[in-house]
């Protein structure tokens, strides 16, 4: 079943973030069983050529590749979709017009306004019509709710046709509220709850990025009702595992 179909059924999916450019990182994470992986072009040094190489690896593992863009620009949307991305995750969506622009950038006319070209996604020109059908049936558009303005406009954002899911960016959201990094502040938590309730009313799957690889925090979000959850990212998972294992090793050596 495609990721889009799972989202339409509001099934729980758990993904993670890739910021390191080596394809082996993506291969390991896909083989581990994540439901989807985000290739983060916004907060990393990933270049488009690296993104395409990673997408190729993820395709081989049948793991949907979603590209987190640097902005809501149609030129970048077109290029990552032409590279073969399953979908896009668009930062700083603040209003319905922003969401509509993201959808327009991903789909060809008459549904959208994406420029038509031949690249990897279209089989290098050999399967354009097949790709057109795939696009309509499988492309995933995720809007990032990471500003208090988006919280205020959340109902209209989620009403935009073509938006498949939303995800909350907690750090940027807290920053837009004048409390950068203070994720547990009551005002920040109230804003998150407001977005969740709007998603529930609209029947849109959504979630939040649990940035630290903390199983208890993930379970809390699942219990809240979120069903599109990002868990950790490559650098935090690697750092956490290394530190935990070395701490255990040193404690064991002290007692041996």
Protein backbone atom coordinates (compact mmCIF):
# COMPACT_ATOMS: atom_id res chain seq x y z
CA UNK A 1 0.00 0.00 0.00
CA UNK A 2 1.35 3.43 -0.91
CA UNK A 3 2.10 6.08 1.69
CA UNK A 4 -0.66 8.26 0.24
CA UNK A 5 -3.16 5.41 0.69
CA UNK A 6 -2.04 4.93 4.29
CA UNK A 7 -2.48 8.64 4.95
CA UNK A 8 -5.94 8.58 3.38
CA UNK A 9 -6.83 5.76 5.78
CA UNK A 10 -5.31 7.68 8.72
CA UNK A 11 -3.00 4.77 9.49
CA UNK A 12 -0.14 5.33 11.92
CA UNK A 13 3.16 5.84 10.09
CA UNK A 14 6.54 6.59 11.63
CA UNK A 15 9.39 8.10 9.69
CA UNK A 16 12.67 9.84 10.33
CA UNK A 17 15.00 12.50 8.97
CA UNK A 18 18.14 12.26 6.85
CA UNK A 19 20.69 15.09 6.95
CA UNK A 20 23.87 13.18 6.09
CA UNK A 21 24.62 12.77 2.41
CA UNK A 22 26.04 9.27 2.30
CA UNK A 23 23.61 6.81 0.64
CA UNK A 24 24.56 4.10 3.14
CA UNK A 25 22.92 6.11 5.94
CA UNK A 26 19.65 6.12 4.00
CA UNK A 27 20.01 2.45 3.15
CA UNK A 28 20.50 1.49 6.81
CA UNK A 29 17.55 3.56 7.98
CA UNK A 30 15.25 2.27 5.24
CA UNK A 31 16.25 -1.32 5.98
CA UNK A 32 15.47 -0.71 9.65
CA UNK A 33 11.82 -0.33 8.65
CA UNK A 34 10.85 3.34 8.79
CA UNK A 35 7.59 3.97 6.92
CA UNK A 36 9.07 7.02 5.18
CA UNK A 37 12.21 9.12 5.30
CA UNK A 38 12.58 12.86 4.93
CA UNK A 39 15.59 14.19 3.05
CA UNK A 40 16.19 17.49 4.78
CA UNK A 41 17.47 20.16 2.41
CA UNK A 42 16.50 22.98 4.77
CA UNK A 43 18.74 22.28 7.75
CA UNK A 44 21.58 20.34 6.17
CA UNK A 45 24.14 20.67 3.39
CA UNK A 46 22.43 18.12 1.14
CA UNK A 47 22.71 19.08 -2.52
CA UNK A 48 20.17 18.14 -5.17
CA UNK A 49 22.51 15.59 -6.76
CA UNK A 50 22.91 13.90 -3.36
CA UNK A 51 19.17 13.97 -2.85
CA UNK A 52 18.60 12.15 -6.15
CA UNK A 53 21.20 9.50 -5.23
CA UNK A 54 19.50 8.94 -1.88
CA UNK A 55 16.07 8.75 -3.53
CA UNK A 56 17.44 6.02 -5.80
CA UNK A 57 18.61 4.07 -2.75
CA UNK A 58 15.25 4.49 -1.00
CA UNK A 59 13.38 3.40 -4.13
CA UNK A 60 15.40 0.20 -4.05
CA UNK A 61 14.25 -0.37 -0.47
CA UNK A 62 10.65 0.61 -1.31
CA UNK A 63 10.80 3.39 1.27
CA UNK A 64 8.99 6.62 0.32
CA UNK A 65 11.32 9.60 0.01
CA UNK A 66 9.90 12.96 1.06
CA UNK A 67 12.06 16.01 0.47
CA UNK A 68 11.94 18.82 2.98
CA UNK A 69 12.45 21.91 0.89
CA UNK A 70 14.35 25.06 1.72
CA UNK A 71 11.35 27.16 0.71
CA UNK A 72 7.98 27.03 -1.00
CA UNK A 73 9.48 27.81 -4.41
CA UNK A 74 8.03 26.12 -7.50
CA UNK A 75 11.45 25.71 -9.11
CA UNK A 76 12.75 23.61 -6.21
CA UNK A 77 9.51 21.63 -5.95
CA UNK A 78 9.73 20.82 -9.66
CA UNK A 79 13.35 19.70 -9.45
CA UNK A 80 12.98 17.38 -6.44
CA UNK A 81 9.82 15.84 -7.89
CA UNK A 82 11.60 15.37 -11.23
CA UNK A 83 14.39 13.62 -9.28
CA UNK A 84 11.83 11.03 -8.23
CA UNK A 85 10.70 12.12 -4.77
CA UNK A 86 7.50 10.56 -3.45
CA UNK A 87 6.53 13.94 -2.14
CA UNK A 88 7.50 17.20 -0.53
CA UNK A 89 7.46 18.64 2.96
CA UNK A 90 7.07 22.39 2.67
CA UNK A 91 8.38 24.67 5.42
CA UNK A 92 6.77 27.76 6.89
CA UNK A 93 3.28 27.35 5.51
CA UNK A 94 1.46 30.27 7.12
CA UNK A 95 -1.81 30.51 5.20
CA UNK A 96 -4.05 28.73 2.71
CA UNK A 97 -2.40 30.53 -0.22
CA UNK A 98 0.97 29.06 0.80
CA UNK A 99 -0.52 25.57 0.90
CA UNK A 100 -2.16 26.06 -2.51
CA UNK A 101 1.18 27.19 -3.98
CA UNK A 102 2.85 24.00 -2.71
CA UNK A 103 0.18 21.81 -4.31
CA UNK A 104 0.37 23.78 -7.56
CA UNK A 105 4.13 23.30 -7.64
CA UNK A 106 3.91 19.51 -7.38
CA UNK A 107 1.15 18.77 -9.90
CA UNK A 108 0.96 19.29 -13.65
CA UNK A 109 -1.82 21.32 -15.24
CA UNK A 110 -4.76 21.39 -15.08
CA UNK A 111 -4.55 20.41 -11.40
CA UNK A 112 -1.41 22.44 -10.73
CA UNK A 113 1.16 24.60 -12.44
CA UNK A 114 4.29 22.44 -12.46
CA UNK A 115 6.47 22.79 -15.52
CA UNK A 116 6.70 19.70 -17.70
CA UNK A 117 10.08 18.15 -18.34
CA UNK A 118 11.84 14.81 -18.68
CA UNK A 119 14.13 13.54 -15.93
CA UNK A 120 14.52 10.55 -13.64
CA UNK A 121 10.91 10.57 -12.39
CA UNK A 122 9.62 10.29 -15.94
CA UNK A 123 11.93 7.35 -16.76
CA UNK A 124 14.32 9.77 -18.48
CA UNK A 125 11.60 10.38 -21.03
CA UNK A 126 10.51 6.78 -21.52
CA UNK A 127 7.48 6.75 -19.22
CA UNK A 128 6.03 10.25 -18.96
CA UNK A 129 2.38 9.15 -19.20
CA UNK A 130 2.90 6.46 -16.56
CA UNK A 131 4.46 9.07 -14.29
CA UNK A 132 1.51 11.41 -14.77
CA UNK A 133 -0.79 8.68 -13.48
CA UNK A 134 1.59 7.80 -10.64
CA UNK A 135 1.73 11.45 -9.63
CA UNK A 136 -2.04 11.74 -9.30
CA UNK A 137 -2.32 8.52 -7.32
CA UNK A 138 0.77 8.62 -5.12
CA UNK A 139 2.32 12.06 -4.64
CA UNK A 140 2.33 13.26 -1.03
CA UNK A 141 2.18 16.92 -0.04
CA UNK A 142 2.98 17.63 3.61
CA UNK A 143 2.65 21.14 5.01
CA UNK A 144 4.83 22.17 7.92
CA UNK A 145 3.04 24.03 10.68
CA UNK A 146 5.87 25.83 12.40
CA UNK A 147 4.73 29.40 12.95
CA UNK A 148 2.06 30.90 15.16
CA UNK A 149 0.52 32.51 12.06
CA UNK A 150 -0.09 29.01 10.69
CA UNK A 151 -1.76 28.00 13.94
CA UNK A 152 -4.14 30.94 13.60
CA UNK A 153 -4.94 29.96 9.98
CA UNK A 154 -4.86 26.19 10.48
CA UNK A 155 -8.45 25.45 9.47
CA UNK A 156 -8.13 27.17 6.09
CA UNK A 157 -4.71 25.59 5.47
CA UNK A 158 -6.03 22.07 6.00
CA UNK A 159 -9.03 22.75 3.74
CA UNK A 160 -6.75 23.17 0.70
CA UNK A 161 -7.32 20.34 -1.79
CA UNK A 162 -4.15 18.33 -2.33
CA UNK A 163 -2.72 18.68 1.17
CA UNK A 164 -2.23 15.09 2.32
CA UNK A 165 -0.87 15.64 5.82
CA UNK A 166 0.63 18.18 8.16
CA UNK A 167 3.53 18.01 10.57
CA UNK A 168 4.36 20.42 13.36
CA UNK A 169 7.89 21.81 13.60
CA UNK A 170 8.10 22.39 17.35
CA UNK A 171 11.34 24.38 17.47
CA UNK A 172 10.37 26.96 14.88
CA UNK A 173 6.88 27.15 16.33
CA UNK A 174 8.25 27.90 19.77
CA UNK A 175 10.59 30.48 18.24
CA UNK A 176 7.74 32.26 16.49
CA UNK A 177 6.08 32.55 19.88
CA UNK A 178 9.15 34.16 21.43
CA UNK A 179 10.10 30.99 23.31
CA UNK A 180 12.71 29.26 21.13
CA UNK A 181 13.34 25.72 22.32
CA UNK A 182 10.94 25.95 25.26
CA UNK A 183 8.80 23.14 23.88
CA UNK A 184 7.07 22.33 27.18
CA UNK A 185 5.82 25.87 27.79
CA UNK A 186 2.02 25.88 28.22
CA UNK A 187 1.52 28.35 25.36
CA UNK A 188 3.53 26.18 22.96
CA UNK A 189 1.68 23.06 24.06
CA UNK A 190 -1.64 24.88 23.65
CA UNK A 191 -0.71 25.83 20.08
CA UNK A 192 0.19 22.22 19.31
CA UNK A 193 -3.14 21.05 20.74
CA UNK A 194 -4.97 23.65 18.62
CA UNK A 195 -3.37 22.29 15.46
CA UNK A 196 -4.20 18.72 16.42
CA UNK A 197 -7.86 19.56 17.01
CA UNK A 198 -8.06 21.30 13.64
CA UNK A 199 -6.54 18.25 11.97
CA UNK A 200 -9.04 15.99 13.69
CA UNK A 201 -11.94 18.15 12.51
CA UNK A 202 -10.61 18.18 8.95
CA UNK A 203 -9.83 14.47 8.95
CA UNK A 204 -6.23 15.20 7.99
CA UNK A 205 -3.44 12.93 9.24
CA UNK A 206 -0.77 14.81 11.09
CA UNK A 207 1.93 14.71 13.63
CA UNK A 208 4.98 16.26 15.07
CA UNK A 209 8.71 15.72 14.82
CA UNK A 210 9.92 13.98 17.99
CA UNK A 211 13.44 15.24 17.47
CA UNK A 212 15.24 13.40 20.25
CA UNK A 213 15.02 9.58 19.85
CA UNK A 214 12.86 9.18 22.94
CA UNK A 215 10.43 6.27 22.87
CA UNK A 216 8.33 7.61 25.73
CA UNK A 217 7.88 10.95 23.96
CA UNK A 218 6.84 9.13 20.80
CA UNK A 219 4.30 7.03 22.69
CA UNK A 220 2.84 10.17 24.25
CA UNK A 221 2.28 11.69 20.81
CA UNK A 222 0.66 8.50 19.56
CA UNK A 223 -1.63 8.47 22.58
CA UNK A 224 -2.58 12.07 21.82
CA UNK A 225 -3.82 10.85 18.44
CA UNK A 226 -1.05 11.94 16.07
CA UNK A 227 -0.51 9.41 13.28
CA UNK A 228 2.19 10.93 11.03
CA UNK A 229 5.24 11.07 13.26
CA UNK A 230 8.88 11.85 12.66
CA UNK A 231 11.17 10.05 15.09
CA UNK A 232 14.66 11.39 15.52
CA UNK A 233 17.08 12.13 12.72
CA UNK A 234 20.24 10.45 11.57
CA UNK A 235 22.66 12.63 13.53
CA UNK A 236 20.66 12.52 16.78
CA UNK A 237 20.12 8.75 16.57
CA UNK A 238 23.84 8.20 15.91
CA UNK A 239 24.92 10.57 18.67
CA UNK A 240 22.45 9.11 21.17
CA UNK A 241 23.46 5.51 20.49
CA UNK A 242 27.18 6.29 20.68
CA UNK A 243 26.86 8.20 23.95
CA UNK A 244 24.58 5.60 25.55
CA UNK A 245 26.82 2.70 24.64
CA UNK A 246 30.00 4.45 25.73
CA UNK A 247 28.40 5.45 29.02
CA UNK A 248 27.40 1.84 29.63
CA UNK A 249 30.87 0.63 28.69
CA UNK A 250 32.57 3.02 31.10
CA UNK A 251 30.19 2.15 33.93
CA UNK A 252 30.82 -1.54 33.30
CA UNK A 253 34.60 -1.01 33.35
CA UNK A 254 34.35 0.85 36.67
CA UNK A 255 32.61 -2.07 38.33
CA UNK A 256 34.66 -4.85 36.75
